[in-house]
Amino acid sequence: QHRDVVFLFDKETHDVVKTETKSRGLGDEGELANIESYYSE
């Protein structure tokens, strides 16, 4: 009952460097958008 989330982990440091899922803006309609978030520092 929840959307999938893809985690991409740095092969050497094991830190999360990117996640992927689907969503939409509040009040938006239609198909879900691809959501790709990047992490650093």
All heavy atoms as atom14 arrays in JSON, in Angstrom:
{
  "sequence": "QHRDVVFLFDKETHDVVKTETKSRGLGDEGELANIESYYSE",
  "atom14_mask": [
    [1, 1, 1, 1, 1, 1, 1, 1, 1, 0, 0, 0, 0, 0],
    [1, 1, 1, 1, 1, 1, 1, 1, 1, 1, 0, 0, 0, 0],
    [1, 1, 1, 1, 1, 1, 1, 1, 1, 1, 1, 0, 0, 0],
    [1, 1, 1, 1, 1, 1, 1, 1, 0, 0, 0, 0, 0, 0],
    [1, 1, 1, 1, 1, 1, 1, 0, 0, 0, 0, 0, 0, 0],
    [1, 1, 1, 1, 1, 1, 1, 0, 0, 0, 0, 0, 0, 0],
    [1, 1, 1, 1, 1, 1, 1, 1, 1, 1, 1, 0, 0, 0],
    [1, 1, 1, 1, 1, 1, 1, 1, 0, 0, 0, 0, 0, 0],
    [1, 1, 1, 1, 1, 1, 1, 1, 1, 1, 1, 0, 0, 0],
    [1, 1, 1, 1, 1, 1, 1, 1, 0, 0, 0, 0, 0, 0],
    [1, 1, 1, 1, 1, 1, 1, 1, 1, 0, 0, 0, 0, 0],
    [1, 1, 1, 1, 1, 1, 1, 1, 1, 0, 0, 0, 0, 0],
    [1, 1, 1, 1, 1, 1, 1, 0, 0, 0, 0, 0, 0, 0],
    [1, 1, 1, 1, 1, 1, 1, 1, 1, 1, 0, 0, 0, 0],
    [1, 1, 1, 1, 1, 1, 1, 1, 0, 0, 0, 0, 0, 0],
    [1, 1, 1, 1, 1, 1, 1, 0, 0, 0, 0, 0, 0, 0],
    [1, 1, 1, 1, 1, 1, 1, 0, 0, 0, 0, 0, 0, 0],
    [1, 1, 1, 1, 1, 1, 1, 1, 1, 0, 0, 0, 0, 0],
    [1, 1, 1, 1, 1, 1, 1, 0, 0, 0, 0, 0, 0, 0],
    [1, 1, 1, 1, 1, 1, 1, 1, 1, 0, 0, 0, 0, 0],
    [1, 1, 1, 1, 1, 1, 1, 0, 0, 0, 0, 0, 0, 0],
    [1, 1, 1, 1, 1, 1, 1, 1, 1, 0, 0, 0, 0, 0],
    [1, 1, 1, 1, 1, 1, 0, 0, 0, 0, 0, 0, 0, 0],
    [1, 1, 1, 1, 1, 1, 1, 1, 1, 1, 1, 0, 0, 0],
    [1, 1, 1, 1, 0, 0, 0, 0, 0, 0, 0, 0, 0, 0],
    [1, 1, 1, 1, 1, 1, 1, 1, 0, 0, 0, 0, 0, 0],
    [1, 1, 1, 1, 0, 0, 0, 0, 0, 0, 0, 0, 0, 0],
    [1, 1, 1, 1, 1, 1, 1, 1, 0, 0, 0, 0, 0, 0],
    [1, 1, 1, 1, 1, 1, 1, 1, 1, 0, 0, 0, 0, 0],
    [1, 1, 1, 1, 0, 0, 0, 0, 0, 0, 0, 0, 0, 0],
    [1, 1, 1, 1, 1, 1, 1, 1, 1, 0, 0, 0, 0, 0],
    [1, 1, 1, 1, 1, 1, 1, 1, 0, 0, 0, 0, 0, 0],
    [1, 1, 1, 1, 1, 0, 0, 0, 0, 0, 0, 0, 0, 0],
    [1, 1, 1, 1, 1, 1, 1, 1, 0, 0, 0, 0, 0, 0],
    [1, 1, 1, 1, 1, 1, 1, 1, 0, 0, 0, 0, 0, 0],
    [1, 1, 1, 1, 1, 1, 1, 1, 1, 0, 0, 0, 0, 0],
    [1, 1, 1, 1, 1, 1, 0, 0, 0, 0, 0, 0, 0, 0],
    [1, 1, 1, 1, 1, 1, 1, 1, 1, 1, 1, 1, 0, 0],
    [1, 1, 1, 1, 1, 1, 1, 1, 1, 1, 1, 1, 0, 0],
    [1, 1, 1, 1, 1, 1, 0, 0, 0, 0, 0, 0, 0, 0],
    [1, 1, 1, 1, 1, 1, 1, 1, 1, 0, 0, 0, 0, 0]
  ],
  "atom14_positions": [
    [[0.81, -1.22, 0.0], [0.0, 0.0, 0.0], [0.84, 1.28, 0.0], [0.34, 2.35, 0.35], [-0.97, 0.01, 1.18], [-1.99, -1.12, 1.14], [-2.96, -1.1, 2.3], [-2.69, -0.53, 3.35], [-4.13, -1.7, 2.11], [0.0, 0.0, 0.0], [0.0, 0.0, 0.0], [0.0, 0.0, 0.0], [0.0, 0.0, 0.0], [0.0, 0.0, 0.0]],
    [[2.12, 1.17, -0.38], [2.96, 2.36, -0.47], [3.73, 2.34, -1.79], [3.96, 1.28, -2.38], [3.96, 2.41, 0.69], [3.33, 2.64, 2.02], [2.71, 3.83, 2.36], [3.22, 1.84, 3.1], [2.25, 3.75, 3.59], [2.53, 2.55, 4.07], [0.0, 0.0, 0.0], [0.0, 0.0, 0.0], [0.0, 0.0, 0.0], [0.0, 0.0, 0.0]],
    [[4.15, 3.52, -2.23], [4.93, 3.61, -3.44], [6.35, 3.08, -3.21], [6.9, 3.18, -2.11], [5.01, 5.08, -3.9], [3.67, 5.69, -4.24], [3.83, 6.99, -5.02], [4.49, 8.03, -4.27], [3.87, 8.92, -3.52], [2.56, 8.88, -3.39], [4.54, 9.86, -2.89], [0.0, 0.0, 0.0], [0.0, 0.0, 0.0], [0.0, 0.0, 0.0]],
    [[6.94, 2.53, -4.27], [8.32, 2.06, -4.19], [9.27, 3.24, -4.07], [9.0, 4.35, -4.57], [8.69, 1.27, -5.44], [7.97, -0.07, -5.53], [7.24, -0.4, -4.58], [8.15, -0.75, -6.55], [0.0, 0.0, 0.0], [0.0, 0.0, 0.0], [0.0, 0.0, 0.0], [0.0, 0.0, 0.0], [0.0, 0.0, 0.0], [0.0, 0.0, 0.0]],
    [[10.41, 2.99, -3.44], [11.49, 3.97, -3.38], [12.78, 3.26, -3.77], [13.1, 2.2, -3.23], [11.65, 4.58, -1.97], [12.73, 5.65, -1.98], [10.33, 5.16, -1.48], [0.0, 0.0, 0.0], [0.0, 0.0, 0.0], [0.0, 0.0, 0.0], [0.0, 0.0, 0.0], [0.0, 0.0, 0.0], [0.0, 0.0, 0.0], [0.0, 0.0, 0.0]],
    [[13.51, 3.83, -4.71], [14.8, 3.28, -5.12], [15.92, 4.07, -4.43], [15.94, 5.31, -4.49], [14.99, 3.35, -6.65], [16.41, 2.94, -7.04], [13.97, 2.44, -7.34], [0.0, 0.0, 0.0], [0.0, 0.0, 0.0], [0.0, 0.0, 0.0], [0.0, 0.0, 0.0], [0.0, 0.0, 0.0], [0.0, 0.0, 0.0], [0.0, 0.0, 0.0]],
    [[16.81, 3.36, -3.77], [17.97, 3.96, -3.11], [19.23, 3.61, -3.89], [19.44, 2.45, -4.24], [18.11, 3.44, -1.68], [17.07, 3.94, -0.73], [15.82, 3.34, -0.67], [17.33, 5.01, 0.12], [14.85, 3.79, 0.2], [16.36, 5.47, 1.0], [15.12, 4.86, 1.04], [0.0, 0.0, 0.0], [0.0, 0.0, 0.0], [0.0, 0.0, 0.0]],
    [[20.05, 4.61, -4.17], [21.35, 4.39, -4.79], [22.43, 4.76, -3.78], [22.51, 5.91, -3.34], [21.48, 5.22, -6.06], [20.52, 4.77, -7.18], [20.48, 5.8, -8.3], [20.92, 3.41, -7.73], [0.0, 0.0, 0.0], [0.0, 0.0, 0.0], [0.0, 0.0, 0.0], [0.0, 0.0, 0.0], [0.0, 0.0, 0.0], [0.0, 0.0, 0.0]],
    [[23.23, 3.77, -3.4], [24.26, 3.94, -2.38], [25.63, 3.99, -3.03], [25.93, 3.21, -3.93], [24.22, 2.77, -1.38], [22.9, 2.58, -0.69], [22.02, 1.59, -1.1], [22.54, 3.4, 0.36], [20.8, 1.4, -0.47], [21.31, 3.23, 1.01], [20.44, 2.23, 0.59], [0.0, 0.0, 0.0], [0.0, 0.0, 0.0], [0.0, 0.0, 0.0]],
    [[26.48, 4.92, -2.55], [27.86, 4.98, -3.01], [28.54, 3.64, -2.72], [28.52, 3.14, -1.61], [28.59, 6.11, -2.28], [29.97, 6.35, -2.84], [30.82, 5.44, -2.74], [30.23, 7.46, -3.34], [0.0, 0.0, 0.0], [0.0, 0.0, 0.0], [0.0, 0.0, 0.0], [0.0, 0.0, 0.0], [0.0, 0.0, 0.0], [0.0, 0.0, 0.0]],
    [[29.16, 3.07, -3.74], [29.74, 1.74, -3.62], [30.89, 1.7, -2.62], [31.14, 0.66, -1.99], [30.24, 1.27, -4.99], [30.53, -0.22, -5.09], [30.83, -0.61, -6.52], [31.09, -2.1, -6.64], [31.38, -2.48, -8.05], [0.0, 0.0, 0.0], [0.0, 0.0, 0.0], [0.0, 0.0, 0.0], [0.0, 0.0, 0.0], [0.0, 0.0, 0.0]],
    [[31.59, 2.82, -2.42], [32.75, 2.85, -1.52], [32.38, 3.35, -0.13], [32.74, 2.74, 0.87], [33.86, 3.72, -2.12], [34.47, 3.14, -3.38], [35.65, 3.97, -3.86], [36.02, 4.96, -3.17], [36.2, 3.64, -4.93], [0.0, 0.0, 0.0], [0.0, 0.0, 0.0], [0.0, 0.0, 0.0], [0.0, 0.0, 0.0], [0.0, 0.0, 0.0]],
    [[31.65, 4.47, -0.05], [31.37, 5.07, 1.26], [30.06, 4.58, 1.86], [29.82, 4.76, 3.06], [31.27, 6.6, 1.14], [30.13, 6.95, 0.34], [32.54, 7.18, 0.5], [0.0, 0.0, 0.0], [0.0, 0.0, 0.0], [0.0, 0.0, 0.0], [0.0, 0.0, 0.0], [0.0, 0.0, 0.0], [0.0, 0.0, 0.0], [0.0, 0.0, 0.0]],
    [[29.18, 3.98, 1.04], [27.86, 3.49, 1.45], [26.86, 4.6, 1.73], [25.74, 4.33, 2.18], [27.97, 2.55, 2.66], [29.02, 1.5, 2.52], [28.96, 0.53, 1.54], [30.18, 1.28, 3.21], [30.02, -0.26, 1.65], [30.77, 0.18, 2.64], [0.0, 0.0, 0.0], [0.0, 0.0, 0.0], [0.0, 0.0, 0.0], [0.0, 0.0, 0.0]],
    [[27.22, 5.86, 1.5], [26.29, 6.97, 1.68], [25.2, 6.91, 0.6], [25.43, 6.46, -0.52], [27.01, 8.32, 1.55], [27.95, 8.58, 2.7], [27.63, 8.18, 3.84], [29.02, 9.19, 2.47], [0.0, 0.0, 0.0], [0.0, 0.0, 0.0], [0.0, 0.0, 0.0], [0.0, 0.0, 0.0], [0.0, 0.0, 0.0], [0.0, 0.0, 0.0]],
    [[24.01, 7.4, 0.95], [22.96, 7.56, -0.05], [23.33, 8.73, -0.96], [23.58, 9.84, -0.47], [21.59, 7.85, 0.6], [20.52, 8.02, -0.47], [21.2, 6.74, 1.55], [0.0, 0.0, 0.0], [0.0, 0.0, 0.0], [0.0, 0.0, 0.0], [0.0, 0.0, 0.0], [0.0, 0.0, 0.0], [0.0, 0.0, 0.0], [0.0, 0.0, 0.0]],
    [[23.38, 8.51, -2.27], [23.69, 9.6, -3.18], [22.49, 10.0, -4.04], [22.46, 11.07, -4.63], [24.89, 9.26, -4.09], [26.16, 9.17, -3.25], [24.67, 7.97, -4.85], [0.0, 0.0, 0.0], [0.0, 0.0, 0.0], [0.0, 0.0, 0.0], [0.0, 0.0, 0.0], [0.0, 0.0, 0.0], [0.0, 0.0, 0.0], [0.0, 0.0, 0.0]],
    [[21.47, 9.13, -4.09], [20.3, 9.45, -4.89], [19.14, 8.56, -4.46], [19.33, 7.4, -4.09], [20.58, 9.23, -6.39], [19.41, 9.55, -7.31], [19.78, 9.24, -8.76], [18.61, 9.47, -9.7], [18.93, 9.12, -11.11], [0.0, 0.0, 0.0], [0.0, 0.0, 0.0], [0.0, 0.0, 0.0], [0.0, 0.0, 0.0], [0.0, 0.0, 0.0]],
    [[17.92, 9.09, -4.5], [16.71, 8.28, -4.35], [15.76, 8.6, -5.49], [15.81, 9.69, -6.07], [16.0, 8.51, -3.0], [15.62, 9.89, -2.9], [16.89, 8.12, -1.83], [0.0, 0.0, 0.0], [0.0, 0.0, 0.0], [0.0, 0.0, 0.0], [0.0, 0.0, 0.0], [0.0, 0.0, 0.0], [0.0, 0.0, 0.0], [0.0, 0.0, 0.0]],
    [[14.91, 7.63, -5.82], [13.92, 7.81, -6.87], [12.57, 7.3, -6.38], [12.48, 6.26, -5.73], [14.32, 7.01, -8.13], [15.68, 7.38, -8.7], [16.07, 6.49, -9.87], [15.24, 5.62, -10.25], [17.18, 6.64, -10.39], [0.0, 0.0, 0.0], [0.0, 0.0, 0.0], [0.0, 0.0, 0.0], [0.0, 0.0, 0.0], [0.0, 0.0, 0.0]],
    [[11.53, 8.04, -6.7], [10.16, 7.59, -6.41], [9.24, 8.35, -7.36], [9.69, 8.94, -8.34], [9.79, 7.82, -4.93], [8.53, 7.2, -4.66], [9.71, 9.3, -4.59], [0.0, 0.0, 0.0], [0.0, 0.0, 0.0], [0.0, 0.0, 0.0], [0.0, 0.0, 0.0], [0.0, 0.0, 0.0], [0.0, 0.0, 0.0], [0.0, 0.0, 0.0]],
    [[7.94, 8.32, -7.09], [6.97, 9.05, -7.9], [6.05, 9.84, -6.99], [5.72, 9.39, -5.9], [6.15, 8.1, -8.79], [6.96, 7.44, -9.89], [6.08, 6.59, -10.77], [6.88, 5.96, -11.9], [7.38, 6.97, -12.86], [0.0, 0.0, 0.0], [0.0, 0.0, 0.0], [0.0, 0.0, 0.0], [0.0, 0.0, 0.0], [0.0, 0.0, 0.0]],
    [[5.66, 11.03, -7.44], [4.76, 11.86, -6.66], [4.21, 12.94, -7.58], [4.41, 12.91, -8.79], [5.51, 12.48, -5.47], [4.61, 13.17, -4.63], [0.0, 0.0, 0.0], [0.0, 0.0, 0.0], [0.0, 0.0, 0.0], [0.0, 0.0, 0.0], [0.0, 0.0, 0.0], [0.0, 0.0, 0.0], [0.0, 0.0, 0.0], [0.0, 0.0, 0.0]],
    [[3.53, 13.9, -6.98], [3.07, 15.08, -7.73], [2.92, 16.22, -6.74], [2.9, 16.02, -5.52], [1.73, 14.81, -8.43], [0.56, 14.61, -7.51], [-0.76, 14.69, -8.28], [-0.96, 13.59, -9.17], [-1.66, 12.49, -8.85], [-2.18, 12.38, -7.63], [-1.84, 11.53, -9.7], [0.0, 0.0, 0.0], [0.0, 0.0, 0.0], [0.0, 0.0, 0.0]],
    [[2.85, 17.44, -7.26], [2.67, 18.59, -6.4], [1.3, 18.6, -5.76], [0.34, 18.02, -6.28], [0.0, 0.0, 0.0], [0.0, 0.0, 0.0], [0.0, 0.0, 0.0], [0.0, 0.0, 0.0], [0.0, 0.0, 0.0], [0.0, 0.0, 0.0], [0.0, 0.0, 0.0], [0.0, 0.0, 0.0], [0.0, 0.0, 0.0], [0.0, 0.0, 0.0]],
    [[1.19, 19.27, -4.61], [-0.08, 19.34, -3.9], [-1.13, 19.99, -4.8], [-0.94, 21.09, -5.32], [0.08, 20.15, -2.62], [-1.13, 20.18, -1.7], [-1.33, 18.78, -1.08], [-0.94, 21.2, -0.6], [0.0, 0.0, 0.0], [0.0, 0.0, 0.0], [0.0, 0.0, 0.0], [0.0, 0.0, 0.0], [0.0, 0.0, 0.0], [0.0, 0.0, 0.0]],
    [[-2.23, 19.3, -5.0], [-3.31, 19.83, -5.83], [-3.17, 19.52, -7.3], [-4.1, 19.77, -8.07], [0.0, 0.0, 0.0], [0.0, 0.0, 0.0], [0.0, 0.0, 0.0], [0.0, 0.0, 0.0], [0.0, 0.0, 0.0], [0.0, 0.0, 0.0], [0.0, 0.0, 0.0], [0.0, 0.0, 0.0], [0.0, 0.0, 0.0], [0.0, 0.0, 0.0]],
    [[-2.01, 18.98, -7.73], [-1.84, 18.61, -9.13], [-2.68, 17.38, -9.45], [-3.0, 16.57, -8.58], [-0.37, 18.31, -9.45], [0.47, 19.57, -9.43], [-0.1, 20.67, -9.37], [1.71, 19.44, -9.46], [0.0, 0.0, 0.0], [0.0, 0.0, 0.0], [0.0, 0.0, 0.0], [0.0, 0.0, 0.0], [0.0, 0.0, 0.0], [0.0, 0.0, 0.0]],
    [[-3.01, 17.22, -10.71], [-3.76, 16.07, -11.16], [-2.99, 15.37, -12.27], [-2.0, 15.87, -12.77], [-5.15, 16.5, -11.65], [-6.02, 17.15, -10.58], [-7.38, 17.56, -11.09], [-7.6, 17.42, -12.32], [-8.21, 18.0, -10.29], [0.0, 0.0, 0.0], [0.0, 0.0, 0.0], [0.0, 0.0, 0.0], [0.0, 0.0, 0.0], [0.0, 0.0, 0.0]],
    [[-3.48, 14.18, -12.64], [-2.84, 13.45, -13.71], [-1.84, 12.43, -13.2], [-1.85, 12.05, -12.03], [0.0, 0.0, 0.0], [0.0, 0.0, 0.0], [0.0, 0.0, 0.0], [0.0, 0.0, 0.0], [0.0, 0.0, 0.0], [0.0, 0.0, 0.0], [0.0, 0.0, 0.0], [0.0, 0.0, 0.0], [0.0, 0.0, 0.0], [0.0, 0.0, 0.0]],
    [[-0.96, 11.98, -14.1], [-0.01, 10.95, -13.76], [1.03, 11.45, -12.76], [1.33, 12.65, -12.68], [0.7, 10.45, -15.03], [-0.23, 9.76, -16.03], [0.54, 9.22, -17.21], [1.78, 9.38, -17.24], [-0.1, 8.64, -18.1], [0.0, 0.0, 0.0], [0.0, 0.0, 0.0], [0.0, 0.0, 0.0], [0.0, 0.0, 0.0], [0.0, 0.0, 0.0]],
    [[1.58, 10.49, -12.01], [2.64, 10.83, -11.07], [3.91, 11.19, -11.83], [4.2, 10.64, -12.89], [2.91, 9.65, -10.13], [1.75, 9.21, -9.23], [2.18, 7.99, -8.43], [1.33, 10.33, -8.31], [0.0, 0.0, 0.0], [0.0, 0.0, 0.0], [0.0, 0.0, 0.0], [0.0, 0.0, 0.0], [0.0, 0.0, 0.0], [0.0, 0.0, 0.0]],
    [[4.67, 12.12, -11.26], [5.93, 12.54, -11.87], [7.09, 11.73, -11.28], [7.0, 11.22, -10.16], [6.17, 14.03, -11.61], [0.0, 0.0, 0.0], [0.0, 0.0, 0.0], [0.0, 0.0, 0.0], [0.0, 0.0, 0.0], [0.0, 0.0, 0.0], [0.0, 0.0, 0.0], [0.0, 0.0, 0.0], [0.0, 0.0, 0.0], [0.0, 0.0, 0.0]],
    [[8.17, 11.61, -12.04], [9.39, 11.01, -11.52], [10.05, 11.96, -10.55], [10.23, 13.14, -10.84], [10.36, 10.68, -12.65], [9.85, 9.59, -13.56], [9.19, 8.67, -13.11], [10.13, 9.71, -14.85], [0.0, 0.0, 0.0], [0.0, 0.0, 0.0], [0.0, 0.0, 0.0], [0.0, 0.0, 0.0], [0.0, 0.0, 0.0], [0.0, 0.0, 0.0]],
    [[10.42, 11.46, -9.37], [11.05, 12.27, -8.35], [12.44, 11.71, -8.11], [12.59, 10.59, -7.63], [10.25, 12.23, -7.03], [8.8, 12.66, -7.25], [10.92, 13.09, -5.96], [8.63, 14.07, -7.74], [0.0, 0.0, 0.0], [0.0, 0.0, 0.0], [0.0, 0.0, 0.0], [0.0, 0.0, 0.0], [0.0, 0.0, 0.0], [0.0, 0.0, 0.0]],
    [[13.47, 12.46, -8.43], [14.85, 12.03, -8.24], [15.56, 13.04, -7.36], [15.66, 14.22, -7.71], [15.56, 11.9, -9.58], [14.89, 10.9, -10.51], [15.63, 10.7, -11.82], [16.69, 11.33, -11.99], [15.15, 9.93, -12.67], [0.0, 0.0, 0.0], [0.0, 0.0, 0.0], [0.0, 0.0, 0.0], [0.0, 0.0, 0.0], [0.0, 0.0, 0.0]],
    [[16.02, 12.61, -6.2], [16.65, 13.49, -5.23], [18.11, 13.11, -5.07], [18.45, 11.92, -4.99], [15.95, 13.4, -3.87], [14.59, 13.76, -4.01], [0.0, 0.0, 0.0], [0.0, 0.0, 0.0], [0.0, 0.0, 0.0], [0.0, 0.0, 0.0], [0.0, 0.0, 0.0], [0.0, 0.0, 0.0], [0.0, 0.0, 0.0], [0.0, 0.0, 0.0]],
    [[18.99, 14.13, -5.02], [20.43, 13.91, -4.95], [20.96, 14.43, -3.63], [20.49, 15.44, -3.11], [21.13, 14.64, -6.12], [20.76, 14.08, -7.46], [19.54, 14.42, -8.08], [21.61, 13.22, -8.14], [19.2, 13.9, -9.32], [21.26, 12.69, -9.37], [20.06, 13.03, -9.97], [19.71, 12.52, -11.18], [0.0, 0.0, 0.0], [0.0, 0.0, 0.0]],
    [[21.98, 13.75, -3.1], [22.53, 14.09, -1.77], [24.05, 14.21, -1.87], [24.71, 13.43, -2.54], [22.17, 13.01, -0.75], [20.71, 12.65, -0.8], [20.24, 11.63, -1.63], [19.79, 13.34, -0.03], [18.89, 11.32, -1.69], [18.44, 13.04, -0.08], [17.99, 12.02, -0.91], [16.66, 11.72, -0.97], [0.0, 0.0, 0.0], [0.0, 0.0, 0.0]],
    [[24.58, 15.21, -1.13], [26.03, 15.42, -1.15], [26.42, 16.22, 0.09], [25.56, 16.56, 0.93], [26.45, 16.18, -2.4], [25.82, 17.46, -2.48], [0.0, 0.0, 0.0], [0.0, 0.0, 0.0], [0.0, 0.0, 0.0], [0.0, 0.0, 0.0], [0.0, 0.0, 0.0], [0.0, 0.0, 0.0], [0.0, 0.0, 0.0], [0.0, 0.0, 0.0]],
    [[27.71, 16.52, 0.22], [28.24, 17.33, 1.32], [27.86, 16.76, 2.68], [27.36, 17.46, 3.56], [27.75, 18.79, 1.2], [28.15, 19.44, -0.11], [27.6, 20.85, -0.24], [27.27, 21.45, 0.8], [27.49, 21.35, -1.37], [0.0, 0.0, 0.0], [0.0, 0.0, 0.0], [0.0, 0.0, 0.0], [0.0, 0.0, 0.0], [0.0, 0.0, 0.0]]
  ]
}
